[in-house]
Amino acid sequence: MAVASFKPHLKILIIGAGPAGAAAAIFAARNGWEVSLLDRRSDVLTTDPVEPKVGESLPPSVQPLLMELGLWEDFQHTSHLPTYGIQSLWGSDRVIHRDYLAHPLGQGWHLDRRVFEKQLVHKAVDTGADLIIGAVMQNAKFVADQWEVSWLNDGQPTQERFDFILDGSGRNAWLARRQGVARLYEHQQLALIRFLKMPTDFLDSTGLIETTPSGWWYTALIPGNRLATTFFCRPGKEDRETWGTGAGWKQLYEAAPHTAARITKATDALTTPRFIAADSSRLESFYGPGWLSIGDAALTLDPVSSHGITMALVTARDAVGAIQQKQAGRSDAFTAYDALLSATFNQYAHQRMQLYRSERRFTGSTYW
């Protein structure tokens, strides 16, 4: 498979300034490469949104990655909330505690997700990346070992050439789709999310997982005395219309008594219930001529794995490493990156199926 010509200095475009894209920009800029970090959102650096952003958990194992990114010191001095474990009711009616204090790196964290992303983006800019926000991609064409890329910014067309593109555009996988790469779905489901205001004396920072015959709940306290609530499910059209209402959402959590005990402590609803995609999926191929995919553009894992953000950072690091290796003469660097992500996804899919089967045996529900 053809790849971009080797050059001591590379001009890199990274599509998407989420965790994967921003982390890749940090690693790439450190190599002295010319890095453009492009995102269609105009609120990339906003930390006071109307509602929090989904995706709040980091396990203890992320600490070395934050150190590699040069983010660890800043991370410790912001509003992220320490969490010391997870409670789960899965395949059993007993609460199982997984205590992070037994982990050699100590606690995990429940993030203010927008603050975390802002930290990553600022670090990328400080490291040398050029941040371009409010930019809508128009076209990308690989010609003579270079990309001809065009986008609109405030309605004004821009066109530039790049040696390489990292696709960090999320589940949309903007570039990969335009290269004809299919997305393969291992498990399709939706997440019904809602954020609640909690009293200041609610101090339980453990994550809570609880299953029902229709799906499973995850709740977690996040900074600002807010409770993130998510119900993972596969509703039909009628259920989707019902569950997305306040009354339908209430019926769902009432079927999960431990979750209900948390939710009923809330003092206010910050948002209305809404559905977002929560599929397990991967690209058929994670690379092509002149590009690699990273983060959710490459693969999405069931949230039960608790590795979404961690995988975003890992794929960012490993993709930049693959480019370095290819520049150093390793001919199989990109196929090795592809094989690593494939093996990771296959292992995850096997573990997910085993976990869901345990709940199916317990509840007898067809959801599982």
Protein backbone atom coordinates (compact mmCIF):
# COMPACT_ATOMS: atom_id res chain seq x y z
CA MET A 1 0.00 0.00 0.00
CA ALA A 2 1.40 3.38 -0.99
CA VAL A 3 2.37 5.91 1.68
CA ALA A 4 3.54 9.51 1.72
CA SER A 5 7.16 10.10 0.67
CA PHE A 6 9.69 10.20 3.48
CA LYS A 7 10.77 13.69 4.53
CA PRO A 8 12.80 14.91 7.52
CA HIS A 9 10.19 17.64 8.06
CA LEU A 10 6.51 16.83 7.78
CA LYS A 11 3.46 19.00 7.38
CA ILE A 12 0.62 17.28 9.22
CA LEU A 13 -3.12 17.99 9.26
CA ILE A 14 -5.13 16.65 12.19
CA ILE A 15 -8.90 16.68 11.67
CA GLY A 16 -10.70 17.08 14.99
CA ALA A 17 -9.51 18.76 18.20
CA GLY A 18 -11.05 16.26 20.61
CA PRO A 19 -8.85 14.24 22.99
CA ALA A 20 -7.34 12.11 20.21
CA GLY A 21 -6.66 15.00 17.84
CA ALA A 22 -5.26 17.35 20.48
CA ALA A 23 -3.04 14.60 21.93
CA ALA A 24 -1.76 13.72 18.46
CA ALA A 25 -0.98 17.39 17.86
CA ILE A 26 1.12 17.46 21.04
CA PHE A 27 3.11 14.36 20.10
CA ALA A 28 3.54 15.47 16.46
CA ALA A 29 4.58 19.06 17.27
CA ARG A 30 7.26 17.74 19.62
CA ASN A 31 8.93 16.14 16.60
CA GLY A 32 9.37 19.55 15.00
CA TRP A 33 6.67 18.82 12.43
CA GLU A 34 4.42 21.58 11.15
CA VAL A 35 1.04 20.70 12.65
CA SER A 36 -2.38 22.13 11.81
CA LEU A 37 -5.14 21.11 14.26
CA LEU A 38 -8.50 21.76 12.60
CA ASP A 39 -11.99 21.54 14.13
CA ARG A 40 -15.39 22.57 12.84
CA ARG A 41 -16.60 23.62 16.32
CA SER A 42 -16.26 27.25 17.33
CA ASP A 43 -16.51 26.40 21.07
CA VAL A 44 -13.41 24.19 21.31
CA LEU A 45 -11.97 26.38 24.07
CA THR A 46 -15.28 27.00 25.87
CA THR A 47 -15.41 25.85 29.50
CA ASP A 48 -18.80 27.26 30.55
CA PRO A 49 -21.27 25.46 28.27
CA VAL A 50 -25.03 25.28 28.61
CA GLU A 51 -24.63 21.61 29.51
CA PRO A 52 -21.69 19.37 30.44
CA LYS A 53 -20.07 17.17 27.84
CA VAL A 54 -20.48 13.40 27.83
CA GLY A 55 -17.47 11.24 28.64
CA GLU A 56 -16.23 11.88 32.13
CA SER A 57 -14.26 8.90 33.47
CA LEU A 58 -10.52 8.27 33.54
CA PRO A 59 -9.05 5.17 35.24
CA PRO A 60 -5.84 5.30 37.31
CA SER A 61 -3.91 3.73 34.40
CA VAL A 62 -4.14 6.99 32.42
CA GLN A 63 -1.57 8.73 34.65
CA PRO A 64 1.52 7.66 32.63
CA LEU A 65 -0.18 8.91 29.44
CA LEU A 66 -0.84 12.30 31.00
CA MET A 67 2.82 12.42 31.99
CA GLU A 68 3.88 11.60 28.42
CA LEU A 69 1.71 14.46 27.22
CA GLY A 70 3.29 16.84 29.72
CA LEU A 71 -0.16 17.41 31.19
CA TRP A 72 0.07 15.71 34.56
CA GLU A 73 1.02 18.73 36.68
CA ASP A 74 -1.70 20.95 35.20
CA PHE A 75 -4.22 18.11 35.41
CA GLN A 76 -3.72 17.76 39.17
CA HIS A 77 -4.38 21.46 39.77
CA THR A 78 -7.75 21.71 38.03
CA SER A 79 -11.30 20.85 39.02
CA HIS A 80 -11.31 17.15 38.08
CA LEU A 81 -12.89 15.04 40.81
CA PRO A 82 -10.98 12.09 42.29
CA THR A 83 -12.89 8.80 42.36
CA TYR A 84 -11.83 5.80 44.36
CA GLY A 85 -13.72 3.00 42.67
CA ILE A 86 -16.78 1.63 40.90
CA GLN A 87 -19.85 -0.10 42.31
CA SER A 88 -21.63 -2.52 39.99
CA LEU A 89 -24.64 -4.80 39.96
CA TRP A 90 -24.00 -7.01 36.96
CA GLY A 91 -24.95 -10.66 36.59
CA SER A 92 -25.98 -10.53 40.24
CA ASP A 93 -28.24 -8.66 42.64
CA ARG A 94 -25.27 -7.94 44.90
CA VAL A 95 -23.25 -4.73 44.79
CA ILE A 96 -19.64 -5.46 43.81
CA HIS A 97 -17.04 -2.83 44.72
CA ARG A 98 -13.91 -2.38 42.60
CA ASP A 99 -11.62 -0.29 44.75
CA TYR A 100 -9.09 1.89 42.90
CA LEU A 101 -7.03 2.22 46.10
CA ALA A 102 -5.71 -1.27 45.39
CA HIS A 103 -4.34 0.05 42.07
CA PRO A 104 -0.63 0.98 42.24
CA LEU A 105 -1.42 4.40 40.75
CA GLY A 106 -4.23 5.17 43.20
CA GLN A 107 -7.49 6.90 42.28
CA GLY A 108 -9.19 7.56 38.99
CA TRP A 109 -10.99 10.79 38.04
CA HIS A 110 -14.39 12.06 37.01
CA LEU A 111 -13.64 14.88 34.62
CA ASP A 112 -15.01 18.23 33.77
CA ARG A 113 -14.73 17.04 30.17
CA ARG A 114 -14.64 20.50 28.58
CA VAL A 115 -11.92 21.66 30.97
CA PHE A 116 -9.90 18.53 30.13
CA GLU A 117 -10.23 19.07 26.39
CA LYS A 118 -9.29 22.72 26.78
CA GLN A 119 -6.15 21.64 28.68
CA LEU A 120 -5.19 19.31 25.84
CA VAL A 121 -5.78 21.92 23.13
CA HIS A 122 -3.84 24.63 24.99
CA LYS A 123 -0.96 22.19 25.44
CA ALA A 124 -1.03 21.43 21.71
CA VAL A 125 -0.89 25.13 20.84
CA ASP A 126 1.89 25.74 23.41
CA THR A 127 3.84 22.86 21.86
CA GLY A 128 3.64 24.47 18.42
CA ALA A 129 0.42 23.30 16.74
CA ASP A 130 -1.61 25.80 14.72
CA LEU A 131 -5.25 25.67 15.92
CA ILE A 132 -7.92 26.36 13.28
CA ILE A 133 -11.47 26.43 14.67
CA GLY A 134 -14.83 26.90 12.98
CA ALA A 135 -13.43 25.21 9.87
CA VAL A 136 -15.66 22.98 7.74
CA MET A 137 -13.83 20.42 5.63
CA GLN A 138 -14.70 20.49 1.93
CA ASN A 139 -12.32 18.15 0.15
CA ALA A 140 -9.13 16.14 0.56
CA LYS A 141 -7.35 14.57 -2.39
CA PHE A 142 -4.10 12.58 -2.30
CA VAL A 143 -2.01 13.49 -5.37
CA ALA A 144 1.69 12.75 -5.97
CA ASP A 145 2.34 11.78 -2.32
CA GLN A 146 0.70 14.92 -0.95
CA TRP A 147 -2.76 15.90 0.22
CA GLU A 148 -4.58 18.79 -1.40
CA VAL A 149 -7.04 19.89 1.30
CA SER A 150 -9.71 22.56 1.23
CA TRP A 151 -12.01 23.89 3.95
CA LEU A 152 -14.27 26.85 4.69
CA ASN A 153 -13.56 29.17 7.61
CA ASP A 154 -16.17 31.88 8.22
CA GLY A 155 -17.37 31.18 4.71
CA GLN A 156 -13.92 31.84 3.24
CA PRO A 157 -12.29 29.01 1.27
CA THR A 158 -8.79 27.88 2.21
CA GLN A 159 -6.62 25.37 0.38
CA GLU A 160 -3.33 23.88 1.58
CA ARG A 161 -1.05 20.92 0.97
CA PHE A 162 -0.06 18.41 3.63
CA ASP A 163 2.24 15.40 3.74
CA PHE A 164 0.00 13.45 6.08
CA ILE A 165 -3.45 13.50 7.68
CA LEU A 166 -4.54 12.05 11.00
CA ASP A 167 -8.30 11.50 11.06
CA GLY A 168 -9.53 12.33 14.57
CA SER A 169 -12.98 13.43 13.45
CA GLY A 170 -14.88 11.10 15.80
CA ARG A 171 -17.47 8.50 14.86
CA ASN A 172 -18.09 10.43 11.65
CA ALA A 173 -14.58 9.44 10.44
CA TRP A 174 -14.71 12.19 7.81
CA LEU A 175 -11.56 11.26 5.91
CA ALA A 176 -11.82 7.48 6.17
CA ARG A 177 -15.36 7.49 4.77
CA ARG A 178 -14.19 9.53 1.80
CA GLN A 179 -11.50 6.95 1.15
CA GLY A 180 -14.19 4.27 0.88
CA VAL A 181 -13.33 2.60 4.20
CA ALA A 182 -16.33 0.85 5.73
CA ARG A 183 -17.31 1.03 9.40
CA LEU A 184 -17.96 -2.36 11.03
CA TYR A 185 -20.40 -2.57 13.97
CA GLU A 186 -19.82 -5.12 16.70
CA HIS A 187 -22.71 -3.99 18.93
CA GLN A 188 -25.22 -1.25 18.25
CA GLN A 189 -26.89 0.67 21.05
CA LEU A 190 -27.86 4.15 22.18
CA ALA A 191 -27.13 6.11 25.33
CA LEU A 192 -29.89 8.14 26.97
CA ILE A 193 -28.14 10.93 28.86
CA ARG A 194 -29.23 13.53 31.37
CA PHE A 195 -27.35 15.79 33.80
CA LEU A 196 -28.70 16.64 37.24
CA LYS A 197 -27.77 19.14 39.95
CA MET A 198 -26.83 17.46 43.24
CA PRO A 199 -26.81 18.86 46.78
CA THR A 200 -23.42 19.93 48.13
CA ASP A 201 -23.53 17.19 50.76
CA PHE A 202 -23.71 14.42 48.13
CA LEU A 203 -20.11 13.21 48.25
CA ASP A 204 -20.22 9.69 46.78
CA SER A 205 -17.70 9.91 43.94
CA THR A 206 -17.80 6.22 42.97
CA GLY A 207 -19.19 5.31 39.59
CA LEU A 208 -22.32 3.14 39.76
CA ILE A 209 -23.31 0.53 37.17
CA GLU A 210 -26.70 -1.17 37.45
CA THR A 211 -28.45 -3.43 34.96
CA THR A 212 -32.14 -3.82 34.12
CA PRO A 213 -33.87 -6.11 31.58
CA SER A 214 -33.96 -3.19 29.10
CA GLY A 215 -30.34 -2.04 29.41
CA TRP A 216 -27.91 -0.69 31.98
CA TRP A 217 -27.35 2.51 33.94
CA TYR A 218 -24.15 4.38 34.69
CA THR A 219 -24.13 7.34 37.05
CA ALA A 220 -21.19 9.40 38.28
CA LEU A 221 -20.69 12.61 40.21
CA ILE A 222 -18.73 15.14 38.15
CA PRO A 223 -17.26 18.54 39.11
CA GLY A 224 -19.73 21.27 39.96
CA ASN A 225 -22.04 19.06 42.08
CA ARG A 226 -23.48 17.51 38.93
CA LEU A 227 -24.57 13.93 38.35
CA ALA A 228 -24.02 12.42 34.91
CA THR A 229 -26.67 9.77 34.23
CA THR A 230 -26.61 7.45 31.23
CA PHE A 231 -28.86 4.56 30.26
CA PHE A 232 -27.41 2.25 27.58
CA CYS A 233 -30.10 0.56 25.56
CA ARG A 234 -31.45 -0.59 22.19
CA PRO A 235 -34.97 0.82 22.03
CA GLY A 236 -37.43 0.35 19.22
CA LYS A 237 -39.05 3.40 17.71
CA GLU A 238 -41.92 3.47 20.18
CA ASP A 239 -39.67 2.96 23.22
CA ARG A 240 -37.31 5.63 21.97
CA GLU A 241 -40.13 8.17 21.78
CA THR A 242 -41.34 7.25 25.27
CA TRP A 243 -37.99 6.96 27.04
CA GLY A 244 -36.87 10.34 25.77
CA THR A 245 -39.60 12.05 27.80
CA GLY A 246 -39.28 13.00 31.46
CA ALA A 247 -41.95 10.47 32.46
CA GLY A 248 -40.39 7.67 30.40
CA TRP A 249 -36.93 8.42 31.78
CA LYS A 250 -38.33 8.27 35.32
CA GLN A 251 -39.84 4.83 34.69
CA LEU A 252 -36.48 3.59 33.46
CA TYR A 253 -34.53 4.64 36.53
CA GLU A 254 -37.24 3.40 38.88
CA ALA A 255 -36.44 -0.11 37.58
CA ALA A 256 -32.89 0.32 38.97
CA PRO A 257 -33.23 0.90 42.75
CA HIS A 258 -29.61 1.82 43.52
CA THR A 259 -29.56 4.28 40.62
CA ALA A 260 -32.93 5.66 41.69
CA ALA A 261 -31.57 6.28 45.19
CA ARG A 262 -28.98 8.60 43.66
CA ILE A 263 -31.22 10.32 41.15
CA THR A 264 -33.92 11.14 43.68
CA LYS A 265 -31.36 13.12 45.70
CA ALA A 266 -30.99 15.60 42.81
CA THR A 267 -32.16 19.15 43.45
CA ASP A 268 -32.70 20.05 39.79
CA ALA A 269 -32.52 18.73 36.23
CA LEU A 270 -29.86 20.58 34.24
CA THR A 271 -30.81 19.03 30.89
CA THR A 272 -33.63 17.07 29.29
CA PRO A 273 -33.08 13.40 28.35
CA ARG A 274 -31.52 12.89 24.93
CA PHE A 275 -30.11 9.99 22.95
CA ILE A 276 -26.59 9.76 21.53
CA ALA A 277 -24.80 6.94 19.70
CA ALA A 278 -22.95 4.42 21.88
CA ASP A 279 -22.05 1.70 19.36
CA SER A 280 -19.08 -0.61 19.46
CA SER A 281 -17.47 -0.24 16.05
CA ARG A 282 -14.24 -0.07 14.10
CA LEU A 283 -13.00 0.92 10.69
CA GLU A 284 -12.37 -1.89 8.26
CA SER A 285 -8.84 -0.48 7.92
CA PHE A 286 -7.15 2.02 10.21
CA TYR A 287 -4.85 3.50 7.55
CA GLY A 288 -4.41 4.23 3.87
CA PRO A 289 -2.12 6.19 1.56
CA GLY A 290 -1.02 9.24 3.53
CA TRP A 291 -3.40 8.86 6.50
CA LEU A 292 -4.09 7.11 9.79
CA SER A 293 -7.23 7.14 11.91
CA ILE A 294 -7.19 7.82 15.66
CA GLY A 295 -9.62 7.90 18.56
CA ASP A 296 -13.33 7.35 17.90
CA ALA A 297 -12.74 7.73 14.18
CA ALA A 298 -10.76 4.49 14.38
CA LEU A 299 -12.73 2.49 16.93
CA THR A 300 -15.43 3.00 19.54
CA LEU A 301 -15.77 0.76 22.59
CA ASP A 302 -18.80 0.02 24.71
CA PRO A 303 -18.68 2.42 27.68
CA VAL A 304 -18.69 -0.57 30.01
CA SER A 305 -14.99 -0.87 29.14
CA SER A 306 -14.27 2.59 30.69
CA HIS A 307 -11.46 3.07 28.14
CA GLY A 308 -12.85 5.58 25.63
CA ILE A 309 -10.65 8.58 26.47
CA THR A 310 -7.67 6.38 27.31
CA MET A 311 -7.91 4.74 23.88
CA ALA A 312 -8.10 8.17 22.25
CA LEU A 313 -4.81 9.18 23.87
CA VAL A 314 -3.14 5.82 23.16
CA THR A 315 -4.07 5.78 19.47
CA ALA A 316 -2.85 9.38 19.13
CA ARG A 317 0.53 8.47 20.59
CA ASP A 318 0.85 5.25 18.59
CA ALA A 319 -0.19 6.83 15.29
CA VAL A 320 2.45 9.55 15.61
CA GLY A 321 4.93 6.84 16.60
CA ALA A 322 4.05 4.87 13.46
CA ILE A 323 4.81 7.91 11.31
CA GLN A 324 8.14 8.33 13.10
CA GLN A 325 8.96 4.66 12.52
CA LYS A 326 8.08 4.88 8.85
CA GLN A 327 10.28 7.96 8.49
CA ALA A 328 13.08 5.98 10.13
CA GLY A 329 12.74 3.24 7.51
CA ARG A 330 10.42 0.66 9.11
CA SER A 331 8.38 -0.45 6.10
CA ASP A 332 5.66 -2.20 8.10
CA ALA A 333 5.03 0.62 10.60
CA PHE A 334 1.50 1.35 9.41
CA THR A 335 0.46 -2.28 9.06
CA ALA A 336 1.79 -2.86 12.58
CA TYR A 337 -0.37 0.03 13.84
CA ASP A 338 -3.35 -1.50 12.05
CA ALA A 339 -2.65 -4.93 13.55
CA LEU A 340 -2.33 -3.49 17.06
CA LEU A 341 -5.69 -1.72 16.89
CA SER A 342 -7.33 -4.80 15.36
CA ALA A 343 -6.03 -7.01 18.17
CA THR A 344 -7.15 -4.47 20.77
CA PHE A 345 -10.66 -4.34 19.34
CA ASN A 346 -10.95 -8.11 19.02
CA GLN A 347 -9.89 -8.63 22.63
CA TYR A 348 -12.33 -5.97 23.80
CA ALA A 349 -15.20 -7.51 21.75
CA HIS A 350 -14.60 -10.93 23.28
CA GLN A 351 -14.60 -9.48 26.80
CA ARG A 352 -17.77 -7.47 26.11
CA MET A 353 -19.64 -10.54 24.85
CA GLN A 354 -18.59 -12.57 27.88
CA LEU A 355 -19.73 -9.80 30.21
CA TYR A 356 -23.10 -9.35 28.49
CA ARG A 357 -23.71 -13.11 28.46
CA SER A 358 -23.29 -13.20 32.23
CA GLU A 359 -26.10 -10.65 32.56
CA ARG A 360 -28.28 -12.50 30.02
CA ARG A 361 -28.04 -15.65 32.13
CA PHE A 362 -29.07 -13.63 35.18
CA THR A 363 -31.99 -11.63 33.73
CA GLY A 364 -33.06 -13.73 30.76
CA SER A 365 -33.47 -10.48 28.82
CA THR A 366 -33.09 -10.48 25.05
CA TYR A 367 -31.21 -7.17 25.29
CA TRP A 368 -28.15 -8.98 26.56
